[in-house]
Amino acid sequence: MSNAPDPRRRPPALKTLDHTVAAVPLLQGRVLLHEHARNIPRPRRALDDELSGVVMTGANADARAFQLRTDVGYEGTLLIDSAAYSTYTATAEEPFMAPPDELFATVDDSLNFQKARGATAALTPTGYIPPASSRALKAVMRDANRIERDDTLVSLPIDVTWLNRENIGQLIAVCAKIRHPKAVILFRQFDPLEQGKDVPANLRRLFTEVEHMALLRTDLAALDVLAHGALCAGIGVQSSLRHAIPPDEKAQIGKRGGGPTYPHVLMPQLMCFKGAESLSNLYANVDPATCDCEECDGRGLDRFFLPDGDTRREADNHTIITWSGWVSEMASYRAGTERKTWWRNKCAAAVDRYALENQRIGQGASSKSGFQVPPPLKAWATLPVAP
């Protein structure tokens, strides 16, 4: 925070320092794209200005966000997530991480700094909230309710066990008492929603029972919560930005032995993310699944098995266009039962296609080498539509 932005280079068309501009109407109904701050920002033409936006994530997020505003000229919705939770664990005494280079800095200073860098709304620098750490969760509520501004989202970086049957009631009760909009980030190695059979239903319950809730740094769970009343949500551009891990853990990866990394691709018909290497193997001897989006234009989805930057950008564009189209389609349905029913039917249709695709590529119903239905997708396809 030591390098203050030049006031002559304020981001265009934004009241950057006005903390009375409420966050809720600016974020309502949007699905944002999480970008990693280690990369030089660039325009994402696949994003819908009316229904999307960007979350710049990582240790250098403020500088990259300012660069996105001033150098790239981005004027859309923007959040800055410095990911304090990646190095700091919330305590009952200090739930928010103070900026490391400012001895007497306050949370309000952190929020003001985000706005000065071009953020549409400001995220609290909340530390990671470990399993069953009730005192830390209540401390977030206590300190958040002392914030006297309308442009703030209270970040809730919680271990996914908070969505277990034993803890969900307390989580809902505390969230309901936080008077600002809340932004949940789920922690666990790999997909947090696959960590327990109750997790998808309880996440949906949280968003149904508490107003002005957001789900950030996730995958297609963003669309599930949006269909069930979320303020907004955010999908990571890469797998590492679709969940978070506790500060004391190293990321576990499915790939063994190192080597190049390849994109994860969103399969439109199956509604799942699949690694490019896996797709190349599955379609090695058969015609691949194709996509008719603007980026793919009928080409096969097995073509992303290359580690170069152009291939990754093409894969990212395909994925963003695909889920952006679903967000637009969702927005055409009335909020409530109509939208929830559309989403459940869409998920159910995708589940049914797994058997057909496996049959097409010569994988039997009992085979473990074909496409497997992700447990969250199966839950979204079968959970009842609540009135």
Protein backbone atom coordinates (compact mmCIF):
# COMPACT_ATOMS: atom_id res chain seq x y z
CA MET A 1 0.00 0.00 0.00
CA SER A 2 3.00 2.33 0.05
CA ASN A 3 2.64 3.40 -3.61
CA ALA A 4 -0.43 5.59 -3.83
CA PRO A 5 -2.08 5.84 -7.27
CA ASP A 6 -1.61 9.03 -9.22
CA PRO A 7 -4.93 10.96 -8.83
CA ARG A 8 -4.55 12.24 -12.41
CA ARG A 9 -4.93 8.62 -13.63
CA ARG A 10 -8.22 7.85 -11.97
CA PRO A 11 -10.15 5.05 -13.68
CA PRO A 12 -12.73 6.40 -16.14
CA ALA A 13 -16.41 6.88 -15.33
CA LEU A 14 -16.11 5.74 -11.71
CA LYS A 15 -16.78 7.44 -8.39
CA THR A 16 -13.78 5.58 -7.03
CA LEU A 17 -13.67 6.95 -3.50
CA ASP A 18 -17.37 7.46 -2.81
CA HIS A 19 -18.15 4.91 -0.09
CA THR A 20 -21.85 5.82 -0.14
CA VAL A 21 -22.33 4.18 -3.56
CA ALA A 22 -23.97 0.89 -2.59
CA ALA A 23 -22.39 -2.37 -3.73
CA VAL A 24 -25.62 -4.37 -4.09
CA PRO A 25 -27.18 -2.74 -7.19
CA LEU A 26 -23.80 -2.64 -8.96
CA LEU A 27 -23.23 -6.39 -8.49
CA GLN A 28 -26.77 -7.78 -8.65
CA GLY A 29 -27.15 -10.74 -11.01
CA ARG A 30 -23.57 -10.79 -12.30
CA VAL A 31 -21.20 -13.71 -12.77
CA LEU A 32 -17.66 -12.34 -12.58
CA LEU A 33 -14.46 -13.80 -14.02
CA HIS A 34 -11.57 -14.40 -11.61
CA GLU A 35 -8.25 -13.42 -13.20
CA HIS A 36 -4.87 -14.10 -11.59
CA ALA A 37 -2.83 -11.00 -10.78
CA ARG A 38 0.44 -12.63 -11.83
CA ASN A 39 -0.65 -12.18 -15.46
CA ILE A 40 -0.66 -8.91 -17.38
CA PRO A 41 -4.34 -7.93 -17.70
CA ARG A 42 -5.97 -7.93 -21.11
CA PRO A 43 -9.46 -7.36 -22.51
CA ARG A 44 -11.90 -10.27 -22.28
CA ARG A 45 -14.25 -9.63 -25.18
CA ALA A 46 -16.14 -12.81 -24.32
CA LEU A 47 -17.53 -11.14 -21.18
CA ASP A 48 -21.02 -9.63 -21.24
CA ASP A 49 -20.77 -6.07 -19.88
CA GLU A 50 -24.34 -6.20 -18.59
CA LEU A 51 -24.08 -9.51 -16.74
CA SER A 52 -20.42 -10.01 -15.89
CA GLY A 53 -17.20 -8.33 -14.75
CA VAL A 54 -13.74 -9.16 -13.39
CA VAL A 55 -12.28 -10.13 -10.02
CA MET A 56 -8.52 -9.51 -9.99
CA THR A 57 -7.10 -12.05 -7.54
CA GLY A 58 -3.74 -12.45 -5.85
CA ALA A 59 -0.95 -10.61 -4.06
CA ASN A 60 -0.53 -8.03 -6.85
CA ALA A 61 -4.26 -7.62 -7.49
CA ASP A 62 -4.45 -3.90 -6.74
CA ALA A 63 -1.71 -2.96 -9.21
CA ARG A 64 -3.09 -5.25 -11.91
CA ALA A 65 -6.61 -3.88 -11.41
CA PHE A 66 -5.32 -0.32 -11.76
CA GLN A 67 -3.47 -1.38 -14.91
CA LEU A 68 -6.65 -2.96 -16.27
CA ARG A 69 -8.48 0.33 -15.72
CA THR A 70 -5.87 2.77 -16.95
CA ASP A 71 -3.80 0.91 -19.55
CA VAL A 72 -6.41 -1.47 -20.97
CA GLY A 73 -9.31 0.97 -20.51
CA TYR A 74 -11.65 -1.50 -18.84
CA GLU A 75 -14.79 0.29 -17.56
CA GLY A 76 -16.84 -2.69 -16.40
CA THR A 77 -17.55 -4.13 -12.96
CA LEU A 78 -14.33 -4.87 -11.07
CA LEU A 79 -13.44 -6.33 -7.69
CA ILE A 80 -9.97 -6.59 -6.12
CA ASP A 81 -9.32 -9.72 -4.08
CA SER A 82 -5.79 -9.55 -2.67
CA ALA A 83 -6.41 -13.05 -1.20
CA ALA A 84 -5.35 -12.24 2.36
CA TYR A 85 -6.79 -15.63 3.25
CA SER A 86 -3.99 -17.37 1.34
CA THR A 87 -1.44 -16.37 3.99
CA TYR A 88 -3.48 -15.28 7.01
CA THR A 89 -5.84 -17.18 9.30
CA ALA A 90 -8.59 -15.22 11.04
CA THR A 91 -8.55 -15.11 14.84
CA ALA A 92 -11.07 -14.00 17.43
CA GLU A 93 -8.91 -10.94 18.08
CA GLU A 94 -7.96 -10.07 14.47
CA PRO A 95 -10.31 -11.47 11.82
CA PHE A 96 -9.03 -9.06 9.16
CA MET A 97 -5.41 -8.87 7.99
CA ALA A 98 -3.84 -5.44 8.27
CA PRO A 99 -1.69 -4.32 5.34
CA PRO A 100 1.86 -5.57 6.09
CA ASP A 101 3.61 -2.31 5.12
CA GLU A 102 1.40 0.08 7.08
CA LEU A 103 1.91 0.08 10.86
CA PHE A 104 -1.32 1.84 11.78
CA ALA A 105 -3.46 0.99 8.75
CA THR A 106 -7.10 0.12 9.32
CA VAL A 107 -9.61 -1.99 7.44
CA ASP A 108 -11.13 1.25 6.16
CA ASP A 109 -7.74 2.16 4.66
CA SER A 110 -7.70 -1.18 2.83
CA LEU A 111 -11.21 -0.59 1.47
CA ASN A 112 -10.37 2.94 0.37
CA PHE A 113 -7.23 1.72 -1.36
CA GLN A 114 -9.22 -0.82 -3.40
CA LYS A 115 -11.62 1.90 -4.51
CA ALA A 116 -8.73 4.19 -5.45
CA ARG A 117 -7.34 1.41 -7.61
CA GLY A 118 -10.62 1.19 -9.50
CA ALA A 119 -12.73 -1.37 -7.62
CA THR A 120 -16.50 -1.11 -8.08
CA ALA A 121 -16.95 -2.31 -4.50
CA ALA A 122 -14.46 -3.23 -1.77
CA LEU A 123 -13.78 -6.66 -0.20
CA THR A 124 -12.72 -6.95 3.42
CA PRO A 125 -9.27 -8.57 3.89
CA THR A 126 -10.68 -11.44 5.93
CA GLY A 127 -8.39 -14.27 6.97
CA TYR A 128 -9.16 -17.94 6.38
CA ILE A 129 -11.85 -19.21 8.78
CA PRO A 130 -10.88 -22.79 9.82
CA PRO A 131 -13.29 -25.66 10.55
CA ALA A 132 -15.57 -25.04 13.53
CA SER A 133 -13.71 -21.84 14.49
CA SER A 134 -16.81 -20.18 15.89
CA ARG A 135 -14.92 -17.41 17.64
CA ALA A 136 -13.21 -16.33 14.43
CA LEU A 137 -16.48 -16.39 12.47
CA LYS A 138 -18.24 -14.31 15.11
CA ALA A 139 -15.29 -11.89 15.16
CA VAL A 140 -15.79 -11.31 11.43
CA MET A 141 -19.43 -10.46 12.15
CA ARG A 142 -18.44 -8.16 15.03
CA ASP A 143 -15.84 -6.18 13.11
CA ALA A 144 -17.80 -6.15 9.85
CA ASN A 145 -20.78 -4.54 11.55
CA ARG A 146 -18.53 -1.69 12.66
CA ILE A 147 -17.83 -0.72 9.04
CA GLU A 148 -19.81 2.42 8.24
CA ARG A 149 -19.97 2.40 4.45
CA ASP A 150 -22.23 1.03 1.72
CA ASP A 151 -19.66 -0.08 -0.84
CA THR A 152 -18.34 -3.09 1.08
CA LEU A 153 -18.60 -6.86 0.69
CA VAL A 154 -17.60 -8.90 3.72
CA SER A 155 -15.35 -11.69 2.53
CA LEU A 156 -16.05 -15.06 4.19
CA PRO A 157 -13.21 -17.46 3.28
CA ILE A 158 -14.54 -20.58 5.00
CA ASP A 159 -13.46 -24.19 5.16
CA VAL A 160 -16.06 -26.27 3.33
CA THR A 161 -16.87 -28.16 6.57
CA TRP A 162 -18.89 -25.10 7.57
CA LEU A 163 -21.45 -26.47 5.11
CA ASN A 164 -21.74 -29.80 6.95
CA ARG A 165 -24.92 -30.74 8.74
CA GLU A 166 -23.37 -29.91 12.12
CA ASN A 167 -22.23 -26.39 11.22
CA ILE A 168 -24.61 -25.01 8.60
CA GLY A 169 -27.10 -23.67 11.15
CA GLN A 170 -24.50 -21.55 12.91
CA LEU A 171 -23.09 -20.29 9.61
CA ILE A 172 -26.53 -19.17 8.47
CA ALA A 173 -27.24 -17.48 11.81
CA VAL A 174 -23.98 -15.50 11.75
CA CYS A 175 -24.31 -14.52 8.10
CA ALA A 176 -27.84 -13.26 8.72
CA LYS A 177 -26.48 -10.91 11.39
CA ILE A 178 -23.85 -9.32 9.15
CA ARG A 179 -25.49 -6.20 7.82
CA HIS A 180 -23.32 -5.90 4.70
CA PRO A 181 -23.43 -8.16 1.63
CA LYS A 182 -21.28 -11.26 2.08
CA ALA A 183 -18.89 -13.04 -0.31
CA VAL A 184 -18.24 -16.72 0.46
CA ILE A 185 -15.06 -18.46 -0.73
CA LEU A 186 -14.84 -22.22 -0.16
CA PHE A 187 -11.63 -23.92 0.96
CA ARG A 188 -10.52 -27.49 0.32
CA GLN A 189 -8.15 -29.36 -1.97
CA PHE A 190 -9.79 -30.05 -5.35
CA ASP A 191 -13.55 -29.42 -5.68
CA PRO A 192 -14.99 -28.37 -2.29
CA LEU A 193 -18.51 -29.36 -3.32
CA GLU A 194 -17.41 -32.99 -3.64
CA GLN A 195 -16.27 -33.18 -0.01
CA GLY A 196 -19.61 -34.28 1.43
CA LYS A 197 -23.00 -35.38 0.20
CA ASP A 198 -24.76 -32.54 2.07
CA VAL A 199 -22.52 -29.74 0.77
CA PRO A 200 -24.38 -28.77 -2.45
CA ALA A 201 -27.76 -28.75 -0.70
CA ASN A 202 -26.47 -26.79 2.31
CA LEU A 203 -24.70 -24.24 0.12
CA ARG A 204 -27.97 -23.70 -1.69
CA ARG A 205 -29.75 -23.42 1.67
CA LEU A 206 -27.32 -20.72 2.81
CA PHE A 207 -28.03 -18.65 -0.29
CA THR A 208 -31.77 -19.22 -0.05
CA GLU A 209 -32.08 -18.20 3.61
CA VAL A 210 -29.68 -15.23 3.75
CA GLU A 211 -30.03 -12.25 1.43
CA HIS A 212 -27.21 -10.48 -0.41
CA MET A 213 -24.85 -13.46 -0.51
CA ALA A 214 -22.16 -13.90 -3.17
CA LEU A 215 -20.08 -16.98 -4.00
CA LEU A 216 -16.64 -16.17 -5.37
CA ARG A 217 -13.73 -18.21 -6.71
CA THR A 218 -15.84 -21.18 -7.75
CA ASP A 219 -16.99 -23.16 -10.81
CA LEU A 220 -20.51 -23.87 -12.10
CA ALA A 221 -21.71 -23.63 -8.50
CA ALA A 222 -21.84 -19.93 -9.38
CA LEU A 223 -24.85 -20.59 -11.61
CA ASP A 224 -26.56 -22.80 -9.04
CA VAL A 225 -26.45 -20.13 -6.33
CA LEU A 226 -27.40 -17.41 -8.83
CA ALA A 227 -30.49 -19.42 -9.77
CA HIS A 228 -31.30 -19.62 -6.06
CA GLY A 229 -31.09 -15.95 -5.17
CA ALA A 230 -27.39 -15.06 -4.92
CA LEU A 231 -26.39 -11.42 -5.23
CA CYS A 232 -23.60 -12.39 -7.64
CA ALA A 233 -20.94 -15.05 -8.15
CA GLY A 234 -17.49 -15.54 -9.65
CA ILE A 235 -15.95 -18.29 -11.80
CA GLY A 236 -12.18 -18.82 -11.96
CA VAL A 237 -10.51 -18.61 -15.34
CA GLN A 238 -8.33 -21.59 -14.34
CA SER A 239 -8.78 -24.48 -11.91
CA SER A 240 -6.62 -22.92 -9.17
CA LEU A 241 -9.04 -19.96 -9.08
CA ARG A 242 -12.13 -22.15 -8.72
CA HIS A 243 -11.45 -22.94 -5.05
CA ALA A 244 -8.91 -22.00 -2.36
CA ILE A 245 -6.69 -23.94 0.03
CA PRO A 246 -5.77 -23.20 3.67
CA PRO A 247 -2.63 -21.09 4.29
CA ASP A 248 -0.67 -23.98 5.79
CA GLU A 249 -1.26 -26.36 2.86
CA LYS A 250 0.34 -26.77 -0.54
CA ALA A 251 -1.88 -27.28 -3.54
CA GLN A 252 -2.31 -30.91 -4.49
CA ILE A 253 -2.55 -31.60 -8.19
CA GLY A 254 -3.81 -34.63 -10.02
CA LYS A 255 -0.90 -34.59 -12.49
CA ARG A 256 2.17 -36.55 -11.39
CA GLY A 257 5.78 -35.89 -12.22
CA GLY A 258 5.54 -32.22 -13.19
CA GLY A 259 5.85 -31.17 -16.81
CA PRO A 260 3.74 -28.74 -18.85
CA THR A 261 0.25 -27.77 -17.75
CA TYR A 262 -2.74 -27.73 -20.06
CA PRO A 263 -6.07 -25.91 -19.97
CA HIS A 264 -9.20 -27.27 -18.35
CA VAL A 265 -12.07 -27.00 -20.81
CA LEU A 266 -15.77 -26.54 -20.09
CA MET A 267 -17.78 -29.25 -21.86
CA PRO A 268 -21.04 -27.58 -23.01
CA GLN A 269 -23.16 -30.73 -23.31
CA LEU A 270 -21.85 -32.43 -20.15
CA MET A 271 -21.58 -29.24 -18.05
CA CYS A 272 -18.22 -30.13 -16.54
CA PHE A 273 -14.61 -28.97 -16.65
CA LYS A 274 -12.24 -31.51 -18.17
CA GLY A 275 -8.47 -31.39 -18.59
CA ALA A 276 -7.22 -31.08 -22.15
CA GLU A 277 -4.92 -34.08 -21.73
CA SER A 278 -7.82 -36.22 -20.54
CA LEU A 279 -9.96 -35.13 -23.49
CA SER A 280 -7.17 -35.95 -25.91
CA ASN A 281 -6.97 -39.48 -24.49
CA LEU A 282 -10.74 -40.03 -24.39
CA TYR A 283 -11.13 -38.95 -28.02
CA ALA A 284 -7.93 -40.55 -29.30
CA ASN A 285 -9.74 -43.07 -31.53
CA VAL A 286 -13.14 -41.45 -32.07
CA ASP A 287 -14.54 -38.18 -33.31
CA PRO A 288 -14.37 -35.63 -30.49
CA ALA A 289 -17.24 -33.66 -29.04
CA THR A 290 -17.51 -30.35 -30.86
CA CYS A 291 -18.63 -26.86 -29.90
CA ASP A 292 -20.50 -24.23 -31.93
CA CYS A 293 -19.52 -21.22 -29.83
CA GLU A 294 -17.97 -18.18 -31.48
CA GLU A 295 -14.46 -19.31 -30.54
CA CYS A 296 -14.80 -22.96 -31.60
CA ASP A 297 -17.02 -22.65 -34.69
CA GLY A 298 -17.77 -26.38 -34.81
CA ARG A 299 -14.24 -27.60 -34.06
CA GLY A 300 -13.41 -30.45 -31.70
CA LEU A 301 -12.81 -29.95 -27.97
CA ASP A 302 -9.75 -32.20 -28.05
CA ARG A 303 -7.63 -29.51 -29.76
CA PHE A 304 -6.48 -27.79 -26.54
CA PHE A 305 -3.81 -30.36 -25.66
CA LEU A 306 -0.98 -27.83 -26.11
CA PRO A 307 0.83 -25.83 -23.41
CA ASP A 308 1.33 -22.59 -25.39
CA GLY A 309 -0.28 -19.26 -24.53
CA ASP A 310 -2.39 -18.99 -27.67
CA THR A 311 -4.02 -22.36 -27.00
CA ARG A 312 -4.75 -21.42 -23.40
CA ARG A 313 -6.31 -18.11 -24.44
CA GLU A 314 -8.48 -19.90 -26.98
CA ALA A 315 -9.58 -22.44 -24.36
CA ASP A 316 -10.34 -19.62 -21.90
CA ASN A 317 -12.41 -17.77 -24.49
CA HIS A 318 -14.40 -20.92 -25.26
CA THR A 319 -15.10 -21.50 -21.58
CA ILE A 320 -16.09 -17.90 -20.85
CA ILE A 321 -18.36 -17.70 -23.89
CA THR A 322 -20.03 -20.96 -22.86
CA TRP A 323 -20.90 -20.06 -19.29
CA SER A 324 -21.69 -16.45 -20.24
CA GLY A 325 -24.31 -17.79 -22.62
CA TRP A 326 -25.86 -19.77 -19.79
CA VAL A 327 -25.92 -16.67 -17.58
CA SER A 328 -27.72 -14.75 -20.33
CA GLU A 329 -30.19 -17.59 -20.76
CA MET A 330 -30.83 -17.69 -17.01
CA ALA A 331 -31.47 -13.95 -16.97
CA SER A 332 -34.31 -14.46 -19.44
CA TYR A 333 -36.26 -16.46 -16.83
CA ARG A 334 -38.07 -14.85 -13.93
CA ALA A 335 -36.26 -15.09 -10.60
CA GLY A 336 -37.77 -17.72 -8.36
CA THR A 337 -39.40 -21.01 -9.30
CA GLU A 338 -39.18 -20.42 -13.05
CA ARG A 339 -35.42 -19.84 -12.97
CA LYS A 340 -34.77 -22.69 -10.54
CA THR A 341 -36.75 -25.11 -12.68
CA TRP A 342 -34.85 -24.07 -15.80
CA TRP A 343 -31.54 -24.71 -14.04
CA ARG A 344 -32.56 -28.10 -12.65
CA ASN A 345 -33.83 -29.23 -16.06
CA LYS A 346 -30.61 -28.07 -17.72
CA CYS A 347 -28.50 -30.02 -15.22
CA ALA A 348 -30.71 -33.11 -15.55
CA ALA A 349 -30.36 -33.05 -19.34
CA ALA A 350 -26.57 -32.87 -18.97
CA VAL A 351 -26.55 -35.85 -16.59
CA ASP A 352 -28.52 -37.89 -19.13
CA ARG A 353 -25.96 -37.12 -21.85
CA TYR A 354 -23.11 -38.84 -19.99
CA ALA A 355 -24.40 -42.32 -20.82
CA LEU A 356 -24.91 -41.31 -24.46
CA GLU A 357 -21.42 -39.85 -24.83
CA ASN A 358 -19.80 -42.86 -23.14
CA GLN A 359 -21.71 -45.16 -25.46
CA ARG A 360 -20.62 -43.11 -28.48
CA ILE A 361 -16.93 -43.38 -27.58
CA GLY A 362 -17.18 -47.07 -26.73
CA GLN A 363 -17.19 -46.89 -22.94
CA GLY A 364 -19.77 -49.11 -21.25
CA ALA A 365 -22.05 -48.04 -18.41
CA SER A 366 -19.83 -49.75 -15.83
CA SER A 367 -16.54 -48.39 -17.25
CA LYS A 368 -14.48 -46.05 -15.06
CA SER A 369 -12.42 -44.79 -17.99
CA GLY A 370 -15.16 -42.74 -19.63
CA PHE A 371 -16.90 -39.56 -18.51
CA GLN A 372 -18.12 -39.60 -14.89
CA VAL A 373 -20.99 -37.40 -13.69
CA PRO A 374 -19.63 -34.90 -11.12
CA PRO A 375 -21.48 -35.33 -7.81
CA PRO A 376 -22.45 -31.61 -7.59
CA LEU A 377 -24.04 -31.76 -11.07
CA LYS A 378 -26.00 -34.84 -10.04
CA ALA A 379 -27.18 -33.00 -6.91
CA TRP A 380 -28.26 -29.91 -8.85
CA ALA A 381 -30.20 -32.17 -11.22
CA THR A 382 -32.11 -33.95 -8.45
CA LEU A 383 -32.52 -31.55 -5.52
CA PRO A 384 -36.15 -30.35 -5.25
CA VAL A 385 -37.12 -26.92 -6.51
CA ALA A 386 -38.05 -24.99 -3.38
CA PRO A 387 -40.91 -22.49 -3.77
